[in-house]
């Protein structure tokens, strides 16, 4: 009897692991089982405008000037150019806040190069699926949709 009461008390007192939901799963895709480059054309259907416009400009920049650095030369979901897959897998912690058809998924990378990085993924539910509307680095103060990509634009 005491053991049952003790087990029940510990299960109530112990913090529960953060449970990721469907919005978090849309983000986790880009980190697990390996890190994926968000701007890759094969993942375009997972995003919405205005981020898709930036990705299209990035594609144009790569096509028009293949020897130059394109507009997006880092992994937006990591706020980094260099990263260790094992560290990402070990430190990835996602939490989400859902408000109707909008959600925010937060993650913090507490270790590794660049020290702590806090990322916020904004999502919208479209036709029953979570799509990424934007990525923000709270640590570095940028938002993906606000980045300029002049290299991909043709002069008027």
C-alpha atoms as a PDB file:
ATOM      1  CA  UNK A   1       0.000   0.000   0.000  1.00  0.00           C
ATOM      2  CA  UNK A   2       2.769   2.444   0.943  1.00  0.00           C
ATOM      3  CA  UNK A   3       4.603   1.663  -2.282  1.00  0.00           C
ATOM      4  CA  UNK A   4       1.477   2.418  -4.338  1.00  0.00           C
ATOM      5  CA  UNK A   5       0.947   5.724  -2.512  1.00  0.00           C
ATOM      6  CA  UNK A   6       4.630   6.623  -2.940  1.00  0.00           C
ATOM      7  CA  UNK A   7       4.528   5.797  -6.660  1.00  0.00           C
ATOM      8  CA  UNK A   8       1.367   7.875  -7.100  1.00  0.00           C
ATOM      9  CA  UNK A   9       2.889  10.803  -5.206  1.00  0.00           C
ATOM     10  CA  UNK A  10       6.065  10.685  -7.274  1.00  0.00           C
ATOM     11  CA  UNK A  11       4.155  10.534 -10.544  1.00  0.00           C
ATOM     12  CA  UNK A  12       2.232  13.662  -9.546  1.00  0.00           C
ATOM     13  CA  UNK A  13       5.310  15.515  -8.258  1.00  0.00           C
ATOM     14  CA  UNK A  14       7.643  14.587 -11.103  1.00  0.00           C
ATOM     15  CA  UNK A  15       7.584  16.982 -14.013  1.00  0.00           C
ATOM     16  CA  UNK A  16       6.026  15.485 -17.083  1.00  0.00           C
ATOM     17  CA  UNK A  17       8.066  15.596 -20.275  1.00  0.00           C
ATOM     18  CA  UNK A  18       6.912  18.209 -22.745  1.00  0.00           C
ATOM     19  CA  UNK A  19       4.575  16.502 -25.145  1.00  0.00           C
ATOM     20  CA  UNK A  20       4.889  17.692 -28.682  1.00  0.00           C
ATOM     21  CA  UNK A  21       1.720  17.840 -30.695  1.00  0.00           C
ATOM     22  CA  UNK A  22       0.964  18.021 -34.413  1.00  0.00           C
ATOM     23  CA  UNK A  23       2.383  21.554 -34.789  1.00  0.00           C
ATOM     24  CA  UNK A  24       5.640  20.475 -33.151  1.00  0.00           C
ATOM     25  CA  UNK A  25       5.795  17.459 -35.441  1.00  0.00           C
ATOM     26  CA  UNK A  26       5.792  19.805 -38.459  1.00  0.00           C
ATOM     27  CA  UNK A  27       8.877  21.493 -37.015  1.00  0.00           C
ATOM     28  CA  UNK A  28      10.576  18.341 -35.742  1.00  0.00           C
ATOM     29  CA  UNK A  29      10.643  17.098 -39.338  1.00  0.00           C
ATOM     30  CA  UNK A  30      13.417  19.624 -40.072  1.00  0.00           C
ATOM     31  CA  UNK A  31      15.606  18.404 -37.200  1.00  0.00           C
ATOM     32  CA  UNK A  32      15.101  14.651 -37.015  1.00  0.00           C
ATOM     33  CA  UNK A  33      16.405  12.149 -37.937  1.00  0.00           C
ATOM     34  CA  UNK A  34      18.822  14.595 -39.596  1.00  0.00           C
ATOM     35  CA  UNK A  35      18.805  18.359 -40.079  1.00  0.00           C
ATOM     36  CA  UNK A  36      17.175  19.421 -43.347  1.00  0.00           C
ATOM     37  CA  UNK A  37      17.734  22.724 -45.198  1.00  0.00           C
ATOM     38  CA  UNK A  38      14.421  24.557 -44.980  1.00  0.00           C
ATOM     39  CA  UNK A  39      14.912  26.410 -48.276  1.00  0.00           C
ATOM     40  CA  UNK A  40      15.306  23.184 -50.261  1.00  0.00           C
ATOM     41  CA  UNK A  41      12.672  23.141 -53.026  1.00  0.00           C
ATOM     42  CA  UNK A  42      11.520  19.638 -52.067  1.00  0.00           C
ATOM     43  CA  UNK A  43      10.197  21.031 -48.751  1.00  0.00           C
ATOM     44  CA  UNK A  44       8.457  24.086 -50.212  1.00  0.00           C
ATOM     45  CA  UNK A  45       4.989  22.620 -49.679  1.00  0.00           C
ATOM     46  CA  UNK A  46       5.603  22.725 -45.915  1.00  0.00           C
ATOM     47  CA  UNK A  47       5.733  26.555 -45.916  1.00  0.00           C
ATOM     48  CA  UNK A  48       3.452  29.510 -46.663  1.00  0.00           C
ATOM     49  CA  UNK A  49       4.043  32.991 -48.013  1.00  0.00           C
ATOM     50  CA  UNK A  50       5.915  35.242 -47.456  1.00  0.00           C
ATOM     51  CA  UNK A  51       8.649  32.696 -46.635  1.00  0.00           C
ATOM     52  CA  UNK A  52       8.062  30.829 -49.898  1.00  0.00           C
ATOM     53  CA  UNK A  53       8.723  34.068 -51.817  1.00  0.00           C
ATOM     54  CA  UNK A  54      12.097  34.402 -50.085  1.00  0.00           C
ATOM     55  CA  UNK A  55      12.888  30.785 -50.941  1.00  0.00           C
ATOM     56  CA  UNK A  56      11.946  31.417 -54.598  1.00  0.00           C
ATOM     57  CA  UNK A  57      14.286  34.432 -54.698  1.00  0.00           C
ATOM     58  CA  UNK A  58      17.011  32.279 -53.154  1.00  0.00           C
ATOM     59  CA  UNK A  59      16.470  29.688 -55.923  1.00  0.00           C
ATOM     60  CA  UNK A  60      16.726  32.427 -58.568  1.00  0.00           C
ATOM     61  CA  UNK A  61      19.942  33.745 -57.012  1.00  0.00           C
ATOM     62  CA  UNK A  62      21.494  30.266 -57.106  1.00  0.00           C
ATOM     63  CA  UNK A  63      20.403  29.775 -60.714  1.00  0.00           C
ATOM     64  CA  UNK A  64      21.487  33.210 -61.976  1.00  0.00           C
ATOM     65  CA  UNK A  65      24.823  33.322 -60.148  1.00  0.00           C
ATOM     66  CA  UNK A  66      25.814  29.762 -59.200  1.00  0.00           C
ATOM     67  CA  UNK A  67      29.339  30.831 -58.176  1.00  0.00           C
ATOM     68  CA  UNK A  68      28.072  33.320 -55.590  1.00  0.00           C
ATOM     69  CA  UNK A  69      26.637  32.799 -52.137  1.00  0.00           C
ATOM     70  CA  UNK A  70      22.833  32.713 -52.346  1.00  0.00           C
ATOM     71  CA  UNK A  71      20.579  34.745 -50.090  1.00  0.00           C
ATOM     72  CA  UNK A  72      20.163  32.005 -47.488  1.00  0.00           C
ATOM     73  CA  UNK A  73      23.585  30.645 -46.632  1.00  0.00           C
ATOM     74  CA  UNK A  74      22.772  29.178 -43.226  1.00  0.00           C
ATOM     75  CA  UNK A  75      20.302  26.774 -41.631  1.00  0.00           C
ATOM     76  CA  UNK A  76      17.431  29.051 -40.546  1.00  0.00           C
ATOM     77  CA  UNK A  77      16.023  26.531 -38.078  1.00  0.00           C
ATOM     78  CA  UNK A  78      19.362  26.426 -36.273  1.00  0.00           C
ATOM     79  CA  UNK A  79      20.453  30.035 -36.770  1.00  0.00           C
ATOM     80  CA  UNK A  80      23.818  28.581 -37.732  1.00  0.00           C
ATOM     81  CA  UNK A  81      26.007  27.597 -40.663  1.00  0.00           C
ATOM     82  CA  UNK A  82      27.845  24.829 -38.880  1.00  0.00           C
ATOM     83  CA  UNK A  83      26.248  22.345 -36.530  1.00  0.00           C
ATOM     84  CA  UNK A  84      26.725  18.901 -35.117  1.00  0.00           C
ATOM     85  CA  UNK A  85      23.913  16.444 -35.896  1.00  0.00           C
ATOM     86  CA  UNK A  86      24.450  14.576 -32.611  1.00  0.00           C
ATOM     87  CA  UNK A  87      24.259  17.773 -30.563  1.00  0.00           C
ATOM     88  CA  UNK A  88      21.070  18.815 -32.342  1.00  0.00           C
ATOM     89  CA  UNK A  89      19.490  15.413 -31.715  1.00  0.00           C
ATOM     90  CA  UNK A  90      20.580  15.422 -28.074  1.00  0.00           C
ATOM     91  CA  UNK A  91      19.486  18.981 -27.237  1.00  0.00           C
ATOM     92  CA  UNK A  92      16.307  19.353 -29.295  1.00  0.00           C
ATOM     93  CA  UNK A  93      13.404  20.295 -27.037  1.00  0.00           C
ATOM     94  CA  UNK A  94      10.158  21.500 -28.570  1.00  0.00           C
ATOM     95  CA  UNK A  95       7.162  23.105 -26.933  1.00  0.00           C
ATOM     96  CA  UNK A  96       4.114  24.523 -28.636  1.00  0.00           C
ATOM     97  CA  UNK A  97       1.353  27.019 -28.044  1.00  0.00           C
ATOM     98  CA  UNK A  98      -1.730  26.533 -30.223  1.00  0.00           C
ATOM     99  CA  UNK A  99      -4.419  29.176 -30.705  1.00  0.00           C
ATOM    100  CA  UNK A 100      -7.035  27.916 -33.151  1.00  0.00           C
ATOM    101  CA  UNK A 101      -5.448  27.690 -36.600  1.00  0.00           C
ATOM    102  CA  UNK A 102      -2.212  29.374 -35.466  1.00  0.00           C
ATOM    103  CA  UNK A 103       0.613  27.912 -33.456  1.00  0.00           C
ATOM    104  CA  UNK A 104       4.080  28.750 -32.235  1.00  0.00           C
ATOM    105  CA  UNK A 105       6.681  26.083 -31.650  1.00  0.00           C
ATOM    106  CA  UNK A 106       9.613  27.046 -29.487  1.00  0.00           C
ATOM    107  CA  UNK A 107      12.965  25.376 -29.238  1.00  0.00           C
ATOM    108  CA  UNK A 108      16.131  26.163 -27.393  1.00  0.00           C
ATOM    109  CA  UNK A 109      19.562  24.794 -28.170  1.00  0.00           C
ATOM    110  CA  UNK A 110      21.341  25.121 -24.831  1.00  0.00           C
ATOM    111  CA  UNK A 111      24.681  23.674 -25.936  1.00  0.00           C
ATOM    112  CA  UNK A 112      27.151  23.784 -28.755  1.00  0.00           C
ATOM    113  CA  UNK A 113      28.648  26.424 -30.972  1.00  0.00           C
ATOM    114  CA  UNK A 114      27.124  29.851 -30.552  1.00  0.00           C
ATOM    115  CA  UNK A 115      25.957  28.961 -27.066  1.00  0.00           C
ATOM    116  CA  UNK A 116      22.225  29.257 -26.494  1.00  0.00           C
ATOM    117  CA  UNK A 117      19.944  29.840 -29.462  1.00  0.00           C
ATOM    118  CA  UNK A 118      16.214  30.259 -29.102  1.00  0.00           C
ATOM    119  CA  UNK A 119      14.053  29.740 -32.171  1.00  0.00           C
ATOM    120  CA  UNK A 120      10.339  30.339 -32.701  1.00  0.00           C
ATOM    121  CA  UNK A 121       8.512  28.710 -35.578  1.00  0.00           C
ATOM    122  CA  UNK A 122       5.151  30.295 -36.480  1.00  0.00           C
ATOM    123  CA  UNK A 123       2.651  27.943 -38.076  1.00  0.00           C
ATOM    124  CA  UNK A 124      -0.783  28.141 -39.688  1.00  0.00           C
ATOM    125  CA  UNK A 125      -3.224  25.316 -40.169  1.00  0.00           C
ATOM    126  CA  UNK A 126      -4.167  25.152 -43.828  1.00  0.00           C
ATOM    127  CA  UNK A 127      -6.526  22.457 -45.105  1.00  0.00           C
ATOM    128  CA  UNK A 128      -6.011  20.553 -41.845  1.00  0.00           C
ATOM    129  CA  UNK A 129      -2.181  20.546 -42.039  1.00  0.00           C
ATOM    130  CA  UNK A 130       0.310  22.660 -40.120  1.00  0.00           C
ATOM    131  CA  UNK A 131       2.435  24.800 -42.442  1.00  0.00           C
ATOM    132  CA  UNK A 132       5.355  26.979 -41.418  1.00  0.00           C
ATOM    133  CA  UNK A 133       4.602  30.678 -41.857  1.00  0.00           C
ATOM    134  CA  UNK A 134       7.876  32.015 -40.435  1.00  0.00           C
ATOM    135  CA  UNK A 135      10.972  31.284 -38.385  1.00  0.00           C
ATOM    136  CA  UNK A 136      12.347  33.781 -35.872  1.00  0.00           C
ATOM    137  CA  UNK A 137      15.636  33.765 -34.027  1.00  0.00           C
ATOM    138  CA  UNK A 138      14.919  35.380 -30.682  1.00  0.00           C
ATOM    139  CA  UNK A 139      18.638  35.150 -29.877  1.00  0.00           C
ATOM    140  CA  UNK A 140      19.866  36.968 -32.991  1.00  0.00           C
ATOM    141  CA  UNK A 141      16.824  39.174 -33.572  1.00  0.00           C
ATOM    142  CA  UNK A 142      15.869  38.236 -37.118  1.00  0.00           C
ATOM    143  CA  UNK A 143      12.751  36.873 -38.789  1.00  0.00           C
ATOM    144  CA  UNK A 144      13.070  34.784 -41.944  1.00  0.00           C
ATOM    145  CA  UNK A 145      10.269  36.549 -43.828  1.00  0.00           C
ATOM    146  CA  UNK A 146      11.942  39.915 -43.178  1.00  0.00           C
ATOM    147  CA  UNK A 147      15.298  38.916 -44.689  1.00  0.00           C
ATOM    148  CA  UNK A 148      16.055  40.532 -48.022  1.00  0.00           C
ATOM    149  CA  UNK A 149      17.194  38.595 -51.027  1.00  0.00           C
ATOM    150  CA  UNK A 150      18.251  41.185 -53.554  1.00  0.00           C
ATOM    151  CA  UNK A 151      20.524  38.739 -55.392  1.00  0.00           C
ATOM    152  CA  UNK A 152      17.510  36.839 -56.694  1.00  0.00           C
ATOM    153  CA  UNK A 153      15.665  39.870 -58.006  1.00  0.00           C
ATOM    154  CA  UNK A 154      16.033  41.150 -61.523  1.00  0.00           C
ATOM    155  CA  UNK A 155      16.501  44.925 -61.884  1.00  0.00           C
ATOM    156  CA  UNK A 156      13.504  46.768 -63.256  1.00  0.00           C
END
